[in-house]
Amino acid sequence: MPYSFESKKIVVFTSRKVASASLRNMIYEVEGEDADFVEWVNSRPPEKRLVSSRFEPAGWEDYRKIALVRNPVDRFVSLYKHRVAKKTSFLRKIDPDRRKARNILAEAGLPIGPDLDTFCRELKRYCAISSDIRIHILPQKHFLGPSLDWYDDVVKLEDIDFIAQLIGHDMPHTHKTHSEQIRITPESRAIIENNCKEDIAFLAKYYPAA
């Protein structure tokens, strides 16, 4: 997903659950009403309206191109913390009518706001119900393209302040990466790593296996 700072001729490509909300807010603060969003909601930028979030290289020839990447396991856990464990948000993404969402989960025999172990065990079934989850577990390669060699810079999420320094503006941290940690059991870690195996290989240079 490309987020462009037109006044700086810098574009940051990122993925779902890799600081996309922070980048949207930063664009709004830096570019103001000139930012390339279709509409504004309550004086804040909405979700970026893109025809497709799949990587598309055309049109960025004159920009400094940055890829923002994240540890694949941490990204998965962030999806769980912010999109699943928060019950209200989780239900709303299944159906705007929370009663209907509850019924959909009940009929499937799936709990609302499952713990991480349950979510991992039932991942395929939750994905079948929630398009939001399906989108957020797409590999980073889907958003960043087949090779990171295309980029001028590859920045790890934990080094995101490098981007702020380039832009000359503080980065608004929408979700704190140092928030409460979730214990991952060996069984859940195996499921997560299997789900993220494409990203683990893709990002091995930046996040080598322990």
N, C-alpha and C. Protein backbone atom coordinates (compact mmCIF):
# COMPACT_ATOMS: atom_id res chain seq x y z
N MET A 1 0.86 -1.18 0.00
CA MET A 1 0.00 0.00 0.00
C MET A 1 0.89 1.23 0.00
N PRO A 2 0.86 2.03 -1.06
CA PRO A 2 1.73 3.20 -1.12
C PRO A 2 1.13 4.42 -0.43
N TYR A 3 1.92 5.06 0.41
CA TYR A 3 1.53 6.31 1.06
C TYR A 3 2.55 7.37 0.66
N SER A 4 2.09 8.33 -0.12
CA SER A 4 3.02 9.29 -0.72
C SER A 4 3.00 10.64 -0.02
N PHE A 5 4.19 11.15 0.22
CA PHE A 5 4.38 12.50 0.72
C PHE A 5 4.79 13.34 -0.49
N GLU A 6 3.79 13.93 -1.13
CA GLU A 6 4.01 14.59 -2.41
C GLU A 6 5.00 15.75 -2.29
N SER A 7 4.93 16.50 -1.22
CA SER A 7 5.82 17.66 -1.08
C SER A 7 7.28 17.25 -0.90
N LYS A 8 7.50 15.99 -0.51
CA LYS A 8 8.86 15.50 -0.28
C LYS A 8 9.33 14.55 -1.38
N LYS A 9 8.41 14.16 -2.26
CA LYS A 9 8.69 13.16 -3.29
C LYS A 9 9.22 11.86 -2.66
N ILE A 10 8.53 11.47 -1.60
CA ILE A 10 8.85 10.22 -0.90
C ILE A 10 7.58 9.38 -0.85
N VAL A 11 7.70 8.10 -1.15
CA VAL A 11 6.56 7.20 -1.03
C VAL A 11 6.96 6.02 -0.15
N VAL A 12 6.09 5.71 0.81
CA VAL A 12 6.32 4.60 1.72
C VAL A 12 5.32 3.50 1.39
N PHE A 13 5.82 2.34 1.05
CA PHE A 13 4.97 1.17 0.82
C PHE A 13 4.94 0.37 2.11
N THR A 14 3.75 0.04 2.54
CA THR A 14 3.61 -0.74 3.77
C THR A 14 2.52 -1.77 3.58
N SER A 15 2.22 -2.50 4.65
CA SER A 15 1.23 -3.57 4.61
C SER A 15 0.22 -3.36 5.73
N ARG A 16 -0.86 -4.10 5.68
CA ARG A 16 -1.81 -4.06 6.79
C ARG A 16 -1.09 -4.46 8.08
N LYS A 17 -1.40 -3.75 9.14
CA LYS A 17 -0.79 -3.96 10.46
C LYS A 17 0.70 -3.65 10.48
N VAL A 18 1.13 -2.72 9.60
CA VAL A 18 2.51 -2.24 9.65
C VAL A 18 2.46 -0.72 9.58
N ALA A 19 1.93 -0.10 10.62
CA ALA A 19 1.92 1.36 10.80
C ALA A 19 1.15 2.11 9.72
N SER A 20 0.21 1.46 9.05
CA SER A 20 -0.52 2.15 7.99
C SER A 20 -1.37 3.30 8.55
N ALA A 21 -1.98 3.10 9.72
CA ALA A 21 -2.78 4.18 10.32
C ALA A 21 -1.89 5.37 10.71
N SER A 22 -0.71 5.08 11.24
CA SER A 22 0.21 6.16 11.61
C SER A 22 0.66 6.94 10.37
N LEU A 23 0.91 6.23 9.28
CA LEU A 23 1.32 6.90 8.05
C LEU A 23 0.19 7.76 7.48
N ARG A 24 -1.04 7.25 7.54
CA ARG A 24 -2.18 8.05 7.06
C ARG A 24 -2.28 9.35 7.84
N ASN A 25 -2.18 9.25 9.15
CA ASN A 25 -2.27 10.45 9.98
C ASN A 25 -1.11 11.40 9.72
N MET A 26 0.07 10.84 9.50
CA MET A 26 1.23 11.68 9.23
C MET A 26 1.07 12.42 7.90
N ILE A 27 0.55 11.74 6.88
CA ILE A 27 0.31 12.41 5.60
C ILE A 27 -0.65 13.58 5.79
N TYR A 28 -1.70 13.34 6.57
CA TYR A 28 -2.68 14.40 6.81
C TYR A 28 -2.02 15.59 7.49
N GLU A 29 -1.15 15.31 8.47
CA GLU A 29 -0.50 16.40 9.20
C GLU A 29 0.51 17.15 8.33
N VAL A 30 1.20 16.43 7.44
CA VAL A 30 2.23 17.04 6.61
C VAL A 30 1.64 17.70 5.37
N GLU A 31 0.73 17.00 4.70
CA GLU A 31 0.21 17.48 3.41
C GLU A 31 -1.11 18.22 3.53
N GLY A 32 -1.81 18.05 4.66
CA GLY A 32 -3.09 18.74 4.84
C GLY A 32 -4.09 18.35 3.77
N GLU A 33 -4.86 19.31 3.30
CA GLU A 33 -5.92 19.02 2.35
C GLU A 33 -5.39 18.64 0.98
N ASP A 34 -4.08 18.79 0.76
CA ASP A 34 -3.49 18.37 -0.50
C ASP A 34 -3.22 16.87 -0.54
N ALA A 35 -3.39 16.19 0.59
CA ALA A 35 -3.13 14.76 0.63
C ALA A 35 -4.09 14.04 -0.31
N ASP A 36 -3.62 12.95 -0.89
CA ASP A 36 -4.38 12.25 -1.92
C ASP A 36 -5.34 11.25 -1.29
N PHE A 37 -6.36 11.75 -0.63
CA PHE A 37 -7.42 10.91 -0.11
C PHE A 37 -8.71 11.32 -0.81
N VAL A 38 -9.59 10.36 -1.00
CA VAL A 38 -10.84 10.65 -1.70
C VAL A 38 -11.74 11.54 -0.87
N GLU A 39 -11.76 11.33 0.42
CA GLU A 39 -12.63 12.13 1.28
C GLU A 39 -12.03 12.22 2.68
N TRP A 40 -12.54 13.15 3.46
CA TRP A 40 -12.07 13.34 4.82
C TRP A 40 -13.25 13.15 5.77
N VAL A 41 -13.00 12.50 6.88
CA VAL A 41 -14.06 12.21 7.84
C VAL A 41 -13.68 12.82 9.18
N ASN A 42 -14.51 13.73 9.68
CA ASN A 42 -14.27 14.34 10.99
C ASN A 42 -12.86 14.93 11.09
N SER A 43 -12.44 15.59 10.01
CA SER A 43 -11.12 16.25 9.96
C SER A 43 -9.95 15.29 10.10
N ARG A 44 -10.22 14.01 9.86
CA ARG A 44 -9.13 13.03 9.91
C ARG A 44 -9.18 12.19 8.64
N PRO A 45 -8.04 11.65 8.24
CA PRO A 45 -8.04 10.86 7.01
C PRO A 45 -8.75 9.53 7.21
N PRO A 46 -9.56 9.13 6.25
CA PRO A 46 -10.19 7.82 6.32
C PRO A 46 -9.22 6.74 5.87
N GLU A 47 -9.70 5.51 5.79
CA GLU A 47 -8.89 4.46 5.19
C GLU A 47 -8.49 4.92 3.79
N LYS A 48 -7.28 4.61 3.42
CA LYS A 48 -6.82 4.98 2.08
C LYS A 48 -7.69 4.25 1.06
N ARG A 49 -8.27 4.99 0.13
CA ARG A 49 -9.09 4.38 -0.92
C ARG A 49 -8.18 4.01 -2.08
N LEU A 50 -7.95 2.74 -2.27
CA LEU A 50 -7.11 2.28 -3.37
C LEU A 50 -7.90 1.28 -4.21
N VAL A 51 -7.65 1.28 -5.51
CA VAL A 51 -8.31 0.29 -6.36
C VAL A 51 -7.92 -1.11 -5.90
N SER A 52 -6.67 -1.29 -5.58
CA SER A 52 -6.19 -2.56 -5.06
C SER A 52 -5.02 -2.28 -4.13
N SER A 53 -4.90 -3.05 -3.07
CA SER A 53 -3.76 -2.88 -2.18
C SER A 53 -2.58 -3.72 -2.64
N ARG A 54 -2.77 -4.51 -3.69
CA ARG A 54 -1.67 -5.30 -4.23
C ARG A 54 -0.60 -4.36 -4.81
N PHE A 55 0.64 -4.78 -4.69
CA PHE A 55 1.77 -3.97 -5.17
C PHE A 55 1.61 -3.58 -6.64
N GLU A 56 1.83 -2.31 -6.92
CA GLU A 56 1.80 -1.79 -8.29
C GLU A 56 2.95 -0.79 -8.43
N PRO A 57 3.98 -1.11 -9.24
CA PRO A 57 5.18 -0.28 -9.29
C PRO A 57 5.07 0.97 -10.16
N ALA A 58 4.08 1.03 -11.04
CA ALA A 58 4.03 2.14 -12.00
C ALA A 58 3.74 3.47 -11.30
N GLY A 59 4.40 4.51 -11.78
CA GLY A 59 4.09 5.86 -11.34
C GLY A 59 4.99 6.42 -10.25
N TRP A 60 5.96 5.63 -9.79
CA TRP A 60 6.78 6.08 -8.66
C TRP A 60 8.23 6.31 -9.07
N GLU A 61 8.48 6.49 -10.34
CA GLU A 61 9.86 6.57 -10.84
C GLU A 61 10.64 7.74 -10.24
N ASP A 62 9.98 8.85 -9.98
CA ASP A 62 10.67 10.07 -9.51
C ASP A 62 10.66 10.21 -7.99
N TYR A 63 10.26 9.16 -7.27
CA TYR A 63 10.13 9.23 -5.82
C TYR A 63 11.25 8.43 -5.15
N ARG A 64 11.58 8.83 -3.93
CA ARG A 64 12.39 7.97 -3.08
C ARG A 64 11.45 6.91 -2.52
N LYS A 65 11.73 5.66 -2.79
CA LYS A 65 10.81 4.57 -2.48
C LYS A 65 11.29 3.82 -1.24
N ILE A 66 10.41 3.72 -0.26
CA ILE A 66 10.74 3.09 1.02
C ILE A 66 9.77 1.94 1.27
N ALA A 67 10.31 0.80 1.65
CA ALA A 67 9.48 -0.33 2.10
C ALA A 67 9.55 -0.40 3.62
N LEU A 68 8.40 -0.43 4.26
CA LEU A 68 8.33 -0.57 5.72
C LEU A 68 7.92 -2.00 6.02
N VAL A 69 8.74 -2.71 6.77
CA VAL A 69 8.51 -4.14 7.02
C VAL A 69 8.40 -4.41 8.52
N ARG A 70 7.82 -5.57 8.82
CA ARG A 70 7.60 -5.92 10.23
C ARG A 70 7.87 -7.40 10.44
N ASN A 71 8.35 -7.73 11.62
CA ASN A 71 8.51 -9.13 12.00
C ASN A 71 7.19 -9.85 11.77
N PRO A 72 7.17 -10.93 10.97
CA PRO A 72 5.89 -11.57 10.61
C PRO A 72 5.09 -12.08 11.79
N VAL A 73 5.75 -12.65 12.79
CA VAL A 73 5.02 -13.15 13.96
C VAL A 73 4.42 -11.98 14.74
N ASP A 74 5.20 -10.92 14.93
CA ASP A 74 4.68 -9.74 15.63
C ASP A 74 3.48 -9.14 14.90
N ARG A 75 3.54 -9.14 13.58
CA ARG A 75 2.44 -8.59 12.78
C ARG A 75 1.17 -9.41 12.99
N PHE A 76 1.30 -10.73 13.01
CA PHE A 76 0.15 -11.59 13.23
C PHE A 76 -0.45 -11.34 14.61
N VAL A 77 0.41 -11.25 15.62
CA VAL A 77 -0.08 -11.01 16.98
C VAL A 77 -0.75 -9.65 17.07
N SER A 78 -0.23 -8.66 16.36
CA SER A 78 -0.87 -7.34 16.33
C SER A 78 -2.26 -7.41 15.73
N LEU A 79 -2.41 -8.21 14.66
CA LEU A 79 -3.74 -8.43 14.10
C LEU A 79 -4.67 -8.97 15.17
N TYR A 80 -4.20 -9.96 15.90
CA TYR A 80 -5.04 -10.54 16.96
C TYR A 80 -5.40 -9.50 18.01
N LYS A 81 -4.41 -8.75 18.49
CA LYS A 81 -4.64 -7.79 19.58
C LYS A 81 -5.62 -6.69 19.20
N HIS A 82 -5.48 -6.17 17.96
CA HIS A 82 -6.23 -4.98 17.58
C HIS A 82 -7.46 -5.26 16.73
N ARG A 83 -7.56 -6.47 16.17
CA ARG A 83 -8.69 -6.77 15.28
C ARG A 83 -9.56 -7.91 15.78
N VAL A 84 -9.07 -8.68 16.75
CA VAL A 84 -9.82 -9.85 17.21
C VAL A 84 -10.13 -9.75 18.70
N ALA A 85 -9.10 -9.49 19.52
CA ALA A 85 -9.31 -9.44 20.97
C ALA A 85 -10.23 -8.29 21.38
N LYS A 86 -10.22 -7.20 20.61
CA LYS A 86 -11.14 -6.08 20.87
C LYS A 86 -12.51 -6.45 20.30
N LYS A 87 -13.39 -6.92 21.17
CA LYS A 87 -14.63 -7.56 20.71
C LYS A 87 -15.50 -6.65 19.86
N THR A 88 -15.64 -5.39 20.28
CA THR A 88 -16.54 -4.48 19.55
C THR A 88 -16.06 -4.30 18.11
N SER A 89 -14.78 -4.05 17.94
CA SER A 89 -14.22 -3.88 16.61
C SER A 89 -14.34 -5.16 15.80
N PHE A 90 -14.08 -6.28 16.44
CA PHE A 90 -14.15 -7.58 15.78
C PHE A 90 -15.56 -7.84 15.25
N LEU A 91 -16.56 -7.61 16.08
CA LEU A 91 -17.95 -7.84 15.67
C LEU A 91 -18.34 -6.91 14.53
N ARG A 92 -17.98 -5.65 14.65
CA ARG A 92 -18.36 -4.65 13.64
C ARG A 92 -17.80 -5.00 12.27
N LYS A 93 -16.63 -5.61 12.24
CA LYS A 93 -16.02 -5.97 10.97
C LYS A 93 -16.68 -7.19 10.34
N ILE A 94 -17.35 -7.99 11.16
CA ILE A 94 -18.09 -9.14 10.62
C ILE A 94 -19.43 -8.68 10.06
N ASP A 95 -20.12 -7.83 10.83
CA ASP A 95 -21.39 -7.25 10.38
C ASP A 95 -21.63 -5.98 11.19
N PRO A 96 -22.05 -4.88 10.53
CA PRO A 96 -22.32 -3.64 11.26
C PRO A 96 -23.34 -3.82 12.38
N ASP A 97 -24.25 -4.77 12.20
CA ASP A 97 -25.22 -5.11 13.24
C ASP A 97 -24.57 -6.14 14.15
N ARG A 98 -24.21 -5.72 15.36
CA ARG A 98 -23.45 -6.62 16.23
C ARG A 98 -24.24 -7.85 16.64
N ARG A 99 -25.58 -7.72 16.70
CA ARG A 99 -26.39 -8.92 17.00
C ARG A 99 -26.23 -9.96 15.91
N LYS A 100 -26.26 -9.50 14.66
CA LYS A 100 -26.07 -10.43 13.54
C LYS A 100 -24.69 -11.06 13.59
N ALA A 101 -23.69 -10.24 13.91
CA ALA A 101 -22.33 -10.76 14.00
C ALA A 101 -22.22 -11.83 15.08
N ARG A 102 -22.84 -11.58 16.23
CA ARG A 102 -22.84 -12.56 17.31
C ARG A 102 -23.50 -13.86 16.87
N ASN A 103 -24.61 -13.73 16.14
CA ASN A 103 -25.32 -14.92 15.67
C ASN A 103 -24.49 -15.71 14.67
N ILE A 104 -23.78 -14.99 13.79
CA ILE A 104 -22.93 -15.66 12.81
C ILE A 104 -21.87 -16.49 13.51
N LEU A 105 -21.24 -15.91 14.53
CA LEU A 105 -20.22 -16.64 15.28
C LEU A 105 -20.82 -17.79 16.06
N ALA A 106 -21.98 -17.55 16.67
CA ALA A 106 -22.63 -18.60 17.46
C ALA A 106 -22.99 -19.79 16.58
N GLU A 107 -23.52 -19.51 15.40
CA GLU A 107 -23.89 -20.59 14.48
C GLU A 107 -22.68 -21.40 14.04
N ALA A 108 -21.53 -20.73 13.97
CA ALA A 108 -20.29 -21.42 13.60
C ALA A 108 -19.63 -22.10 14.80
N GLY A 109 -20.16 -21.86 16.00
CA GLY A 109 -19.57 -22.42 17.20
C GLY A 109 -18.24 -21.80 17.57
N LEU A 110 -18.08 -20.52 17.20
CA LEU A 110 -16.83 -19.81 17.47
C LEU A 110 -17.05 -18.73 18.53
N PRO A 111 -16.13 -18.61 19.49
CA PRO A 111 -16.28 -17.59 20.53
C PRO A 111 -15.97 -16.19 20.02
N ILE A 112 -16.58 -15.20 20.66
CA ILE A 112 -16.27 -13.79 20.40
C ILE A 112 -15.04 -13.43 21.22
N GLY A 113 -14.12 -12.72 20.62
CA GLY A 113 -12.91 -12.33 21.36
C GLY A 113 -12.16 -13.53 21.90
N PRO A 114 -11.82 -14.50 21.04
CA PRO A 114 -11.12 -15.71 21.50
C PRO A 114 -9.73 -15.39 22.03
N ASP A 115 -9.21 -16.27 22.89
CA ASP A 115 -7.81 -16.11 23.26
C ASP A 115 -6.94 -16.49 22.06
N LEU A 116 -5.66 -16.19 22.14
CA LEU A 116 -4.79 -16.38 20.98
C LEU A 116 -4.73 -17.84 20.56
N ASP A 117 -4.69 -18.76 21.53
CA ASP A 117 -4.62 -20.18 21.18
C ASP A 117 -5.85 -20.61 20.38
N THR A 118 -7.03 -20.19 20.84
CA THR A 118 -8.26 -20.54 20.13
C THR A 118 -8.28 -19.92 18.74
N PHE A 119 -7.88 -18.66 18.66
CA PHE A 119 -7.87 -17.99 17.35
C PHE A 119 -6.94 -18.72 16.38
N CYS A 120 -5.78 -19.13 16.85
CA CYS A 120 -4.85 -19.84 15.97
C CYS A 120 -5.41 -21.19 15.53
N ARG A 121 -5.98 -21.93 16.47
CA ARG A 121 -6.54 -23.24 16.12
C ARG A 121 -7.66 -23.12 15.11
N GLU A 122 -8.47 -22.06 15.25
CA GLU A 122 -9.66 -21.88 14.41
C GLU A 122 -9.45 -20.82 13.32
N LEU A 123 -8.19 -20.56 12.97
CA LEU A 123 -7.90 -19.47 12.05
C LEU A 123 -8.65 -19.59 10.73
N LYS A 124 -8.67 -20.76 10.14
CA LYS A 124 -9.35 -20.93 8.85
C LYS A 124 -10.83 -20.63 8.96
N ARG A 125 -11.44 -21.01 10.06
CA ARG A 125 -12.88 -20.77 10.22
C ARG A 125 -13.17 -19.29 10.47
N TYR A 126 -12.31 -18.62 11.24
CA TYR A 126 -12.49 -17.18 11.42
C TYR A 126 -12.28 -16.44 10.10
N CYS A 127 -11.32 -16.89 9.31
CA CYS A 127 -11.10 -16.26 8.00
C CYS A 127 -12.30 -16.44 7.08
N ALA A 128 -12.95 -17.59 7.18
CA ALA A 128 -14.12 -17.84 6.34
C ALA A 128 -15.26 -16.88 6.67
N ILE A 129 -15.32 -16.43 7.91
CA ILE A 129 -16.39 -15.54 8.36
C ILE A 129 -16.02 -14.08 8.16
N SER A 130 -14.76 -13.73 8.36
CA SER A 130 -14.34 -12.32 8.39
C SER A 130 -13.40 -11.97 7.24
N SER A 131 -13.88 -11.16 6.30
CA SER A 131 -13.01 -10.68 5.21
C SER A 131 -11.92 -9.77 5.77
N ASP A 132 -12.20 -9.10 6.87
CA ASP A 132 -11.21 -8.21 7.49
C ASP A 132 -9.98 -9.00 7.92
N ILE A 133 -10.19 -10.17 8.52
CA ILE A 133 -9.07 -11.01 8.93
C ILE A 133 -8.34 -11.53 7.69
N ARG A 134 -9.09 -11.96 6.70
CA ARG A 134 -8.45 -12.48 5.47
C ARG A 134 -7.52 -11.44 4.85
N ILE A 135 -7.96 -10.19 4.83
CA ILE A 135 -7.15 -9.12 4.25
C ILE A 135 -5.90 -8.87 5.09
N HIS A 136 -6.08 -8.87 6.40
CA HIS A 136 -4.97 -8.49 7.29
C HIS A 136 -3.90 -9.57 7.43
N ILE A 137 -4.21 -10.81 7.05
CA ILE A 137 -3.16 -11.84 7.12
C ILE A 137 -2.52 -12.09 5.76
N LEU A 138 -2.90 -11.30 4.75
CA LEU A 138 -2.18 -11.40 3.48
C LEU A 138 -0.69 -11.14 3.72
N PRO A 139 0.18 -11.86 3.04
CA PRO A 139 1.62 -11.66 3.28
C PRO A 139 2.08 -10.27 2.88
N GLN A 140 3.14 -9.82 3.52
CA GLN A 140 3.68 -8.49 3.19
C GLN A 140 4.15 -8.42 1.74
N LYS A 141 4.54 -9.55 1.20
CA LYS A 141 4.95 -9.61 -0.20
C LYS A 141 3.82 -9.18 -1.13
N HIS A 142 2.59 -9.43 -0.74
CA HIS A 142 1.42 -9.02 -1.52
C HIS A 142 1.39 -7.50 -1.68
N PHE A 143 1.76 -6.79 -0.62
CA PHE A 143 1.69 -5.33 -0.61
C PHE A 143 2.98 -4.68 -1.11
N LEU A 144 4.11 -5.37 -0.93
CA LEU A 144 5.42 -4.75 -1.21
C LEU A 144 6.03 -5.19 -2.54
N GLY A 145 5.49 -6.23 -3.14
CA GLY A 145 6.02 -6.70 -4.41
C GLY A 145 6.97 -7.86 -4.25
N PRO A 146 7.40 -8.44 -5.37
CA PRO A 146 8.18 -9.68 -5.33
C PRO A 146 9.62 -9.53 -4.84
N SER A 147 10.17 -8.31 -4.90
CA SER A 147 11.56 -8.11 -4.49
C SER A 147 11.73 -6.77 -3.79
N LEU A 148 12.43 -6.80 -2.67
CA LEU A 148 12.71 -5.56 -1.95
C LEU A 148 13.85 -4.77 -2.59
N ASP A 149 14.50 -5.34 -3.60
CA ASP A 149 15.57 -4.63 -4.30
C ASP A 149 15.04 -3.42 -5.07
N TRP A 150 13.74 -3.37 -5.31
CA TRP A 150 13.13 -2.25 -6.05
C TRP A 150 13.19 -0.96 -5.25
N TYR A 151 13.32 -1.08 -3.93
CA TYR A 151 13.24 0.08 -3.04
C TYR A 151 14.60 0.74 -2.82
N ASP A 152 14.54 2.04 -2.56
CA ASP A 152 15.76 2.77 -2.17
C ASP A 152 16.15 2.46 -0.73
N ASP A 153 15.15 2.25 0.11
CA ASP A 153 15.38 1.95 1.53
C ASP A 153 14.40 0.88 1.97
N VAL A 154 14.85 -0.02 2.82
CA VAL A 154 13.97 -0.96 3.51
C VAL A 154 14.11 -0.67 5.00
N VAL A 155 13.00 -0.31 5.62
CA VAL A 155 13.02 0.14 7.01
C VAL A 155 12.20 -0.82 7.86
N LYS A 156 12.79 -1.31 8.93
CA LYS A 156 12.05 -2.15 9.87
C LYS A 156 11.14 -1.28 10.73
N LEU A 157 10.01 -1.83 11.13
CA LEU A 157 9.04 -1.05 11.91
C LEU A 157 9.68 -0.44 13.15
N GLU A 158 10.56 -1.17 13.79
CA GLU A 158 11.18 -0.65 15.00
C GLU A 158 12.12 0.53 14.71
N ASP A 159 12.44 0.75 13.43
CA ASP A 159 13.28 1.89 13.04
C ASP A 159 12.47 2.95 12.30
N ILE A 160 11.16 2.99 12.54
CA ILE A 160 10.28 3.87 11.78
C ILE A 160 10.62 5.35 11.95
N ASP A 161 11.30 5.70 13.03
CA ASP A 161 11.68 7.11 13.21
C ASP A 161 12.63 7.60 12.11
N PHE A 162 13.27 6.67 11.40
CA PHE A 162 14.09 7.04 10.24
C PHE A 162 13.22 7.76 9.20
N ILE A 163 11.99 7.26 9.01
CA ILE A 163 11.07 7.90 8.06
C ILE A 163 10.66 9.27 8.56
N ALA A 164 10.39 9.37 9.85
CA ALA A 164 10.02 10.66 10.43
C ALA A 164 11.14 11.69 10.23
N GLN A 165 12.38 11.25 10.37
CA GLN A 165 13.51 12.16 10.18
C GLN A 165 13.61 12.61 8.72
N LEU A 166 13.36 11.70 7.78
CA LEU A 166 13.38 12.06 6.37
C LEU A 166 12.31 13.09 6.04
N ILE A 167 11.12 12.87 6.60
CA ILE A 167 10.00 13.77 6.33
C ILE A 167 10.15 15.07 7.10
N GLY A 168 10.84 15.02 8.23
CA GLY A 168 10.96 16.20 9.08
C GLY A 168 9.73 16.45 9.91
N HIS A 169 9.09 15.35 10.36
CA HIS A 169 7.85 15.48 11.13
C HIS A 169 7.73 14.28 12.05
N ASP A 170 7.26 14.51 13.29
CA ASP A 170 7.10 13.41 14.23
C ASP A 170 6.11 12.39 13.70
N MET A 171 6.40 11.12 13.97
CA MET A 171 5.51 10.05 13.55
C MET A 171 4.42 9.84 14.60
N PRO A 172 3.14 9.98 14.24
CA PRO A 172 2.07 9.69 15.20
C PRO A 172 1.92 8.19 15.38
N HIS A 173 2.20 7.69 16.57
CA HIS A 173 2.13 6.24 16.81
C HIS A 173 0.71 5.88 17.24
N THR A 174 -0.08 5.42 16.26
CA THR A 174 -1.48 5.11 16.52
C THR A 174 -1.62 3.92 17.46
N HIS A 175 -0.82 2.86 17.21
CA HIS A 175 -0.80 1.70 18.09
C HIS A 175 0.61 1.55 18.63
N LYS A 176 0.75 1.57 19.93
CA LYS A 176 2.08 1.47 20.53
C LYS A 176 2.61 0.04 20.39
N THR A 177 3.78 -0.10 19.80
CA THR A 177 4.34 -1.43 19.62
C THR A 177 4.84 -2.02 20.93
N HIS A 178 5.00 -1.19 21.97
CA HIS A 178 5.51 -1.71 23.23
C HIS A 178 4.37 -1.95 24.23
N SER A 179 3.14 -2.06 23.73
CA SER A 179 2.01 -2.30 24.62
C SER A 179 2.10 -3.72 25.20
N GLU A 180 1.15 -4.07 26.04
CA GLU A 180 1.19 -5.33 26.78
C GLU A 180 1.48 -6.52 25.86
N GLN A 181 2.44 -7.33 26.27
CA GLN A 181 2.83 -8.48 25.47
C GLN A 181 1.87 -9.64 25.70
N ILE A 182 1.69 -10.45 24.67
CA ILE A 182 0.83 -11.63 24.75
C ILE A 182 1.72 -12.87 24.72
N ARG A 183 1.49 -13.76 25.65
CA ARG A 183 2.27 -15.00 25.68
C ARG A 183 1.84 -15.89 24.53
N ILE A 184 2.81 -16.41 23.79
CA ILE A 184 2.53 -17.30 22.67
C ILE A 184 2.98 -18.71 23.04
N THR A 185 2.05 -19.64 23.09
CA THR A 185 2.41 -21.02 23.39
C THR A 185 3.14 -21.64 22.20
N PRO A 186 3.90 -22.70 22.44
CA PRO A 186 4.59 -23.35 21.31
C PRO A 186 3.64 -23.80 20.21
N GLU A 187 2.45 -24.28 20.60
CA GLU A 187 1.47 -24.73 19.61
C GLU A 187 1.00 -23.58 18.73
N SER A 188 0.69 -22.45 19.37
CA SER A 188 0.25 -21.28 18.61
C SER A 188 1.37 -20.73 17.75
N ARG A 189 2.58 -20.71 18.28
CA ARG A 189 3.71 -20.20 17.50
C ARG A 189 3.91 -21.03 16.23
N ALA A 190 3.75 -22.34 16.35
CA ALA A 190 3.91 -23.20 15.18
C ALA A 190 2.86 -22.87 14.11
N ILE A 191 1.62 -22.62 14.54
CA ILE A 191 0.56 -22.27 13.60
C ILE A 191 0.85 -20.92 12.96
N ILE A 192 1.25 -19.95 13.78
CA ILE A 192 1.55 -18.60 13.27
C ILE A 192 2.70 -18.65 12.27
N GLU A 193 3.77 -19.36 12.63
CA GLU A 193 4.93 -19.42 11.74
C GLU A 193 4.59 -20.14 10.44
N ASN A 194 3.73 -21.15 10.50
CA ASN A 194 3.30 -21.81 9.27
C ASN A 194 2.48 -20.86 8.40
N ASN A 195 1.61 -20.08 9.04
CA ASN A 195 0.79 -19.13 8.29
C ASN A 195 1.67 -18.03 7.67
N CYS A 196 2.75 -17.68 8.36
CA CYS A 196 3.62 -16.58 7.93
C CYS A 196 4.87 -17.06 7.20
N LYS A 197 4.90 -18.31 6.78
CA LYS A 197 6.15 -18.86 6.24
C LYS A 197 6.64 -18.11 5.00
N GLU A 198 5.72 -17.60 4.17
CA GLU A 198 6.14 -16.84 2.99
C GLU A 198 6.86 -15.56 3.40
N ASP A 199 6.30 -14.86 4.39
CA ASP A 199 6.94 -13.63 4.88
C ASP A 199 8.24 -13.92 5.61
N ILE A 200 8.28 -15.01 6.35
CA ILE A 200 9.50 -15.35 7.09
C ILE A 200 10.66 -15.55 6.11
N ALA A 201 10.38 -16.19 4.98
CA ALA A 201 11.41 -16.36 3.95
C ALA A 201 11.73 -15.03 3.26
N PHE A 202 10.69 -14.27 2.96
CA PHE A 202 10.82 -13.00 2.24
C PHE A 202 11.65 -11.99 3.03
N LEU A 203 11.50 -12.01 4.35
CA LEU A 203 12.14 -11.00 5.20
C LEU A 203 13.30 -11.57 6.02
N ALA A 204 13.82 -12.72 5.62
CA ALA A 204 14.86 -13.39 6.41
C ALA A 204 16.10 -12.52 6.59
N LYS A 205 16.41 -11.67 5.62
CA LYS A 205 17.57 -10.79 5.73
C LYS A 205 17.40 -9.79 6.87
N TYR A 206 16.16 -9.39 7.12
CA TYR A 206 15.87 -8.35 8.12
C TYR A 206 15.43 -8.96 9.45
N TYR A 207 14.81 -10.14 9.39
CA TYR A 207 14.37 -10.82 10.60
C TYR A 207 14.83 -12.28 10.53
N PRO A 208 16.11 -12.52 10.76
CA PRO A 208 16.62 -13.90 10.68
C PRO A 208 16.00 -14.77 11.76
N ALA A 209 15.85 -16.05 11.45
CA ALA A 209 15.28 -16.99 12.41
C ALA A 209 16.15 -17.05 13.66
N ALA A 210 15.48 -17.17 14.80
CA ALA A 210 16.22 -17.22 16.07
C ALA A 210 17.02 -18.50 16.16
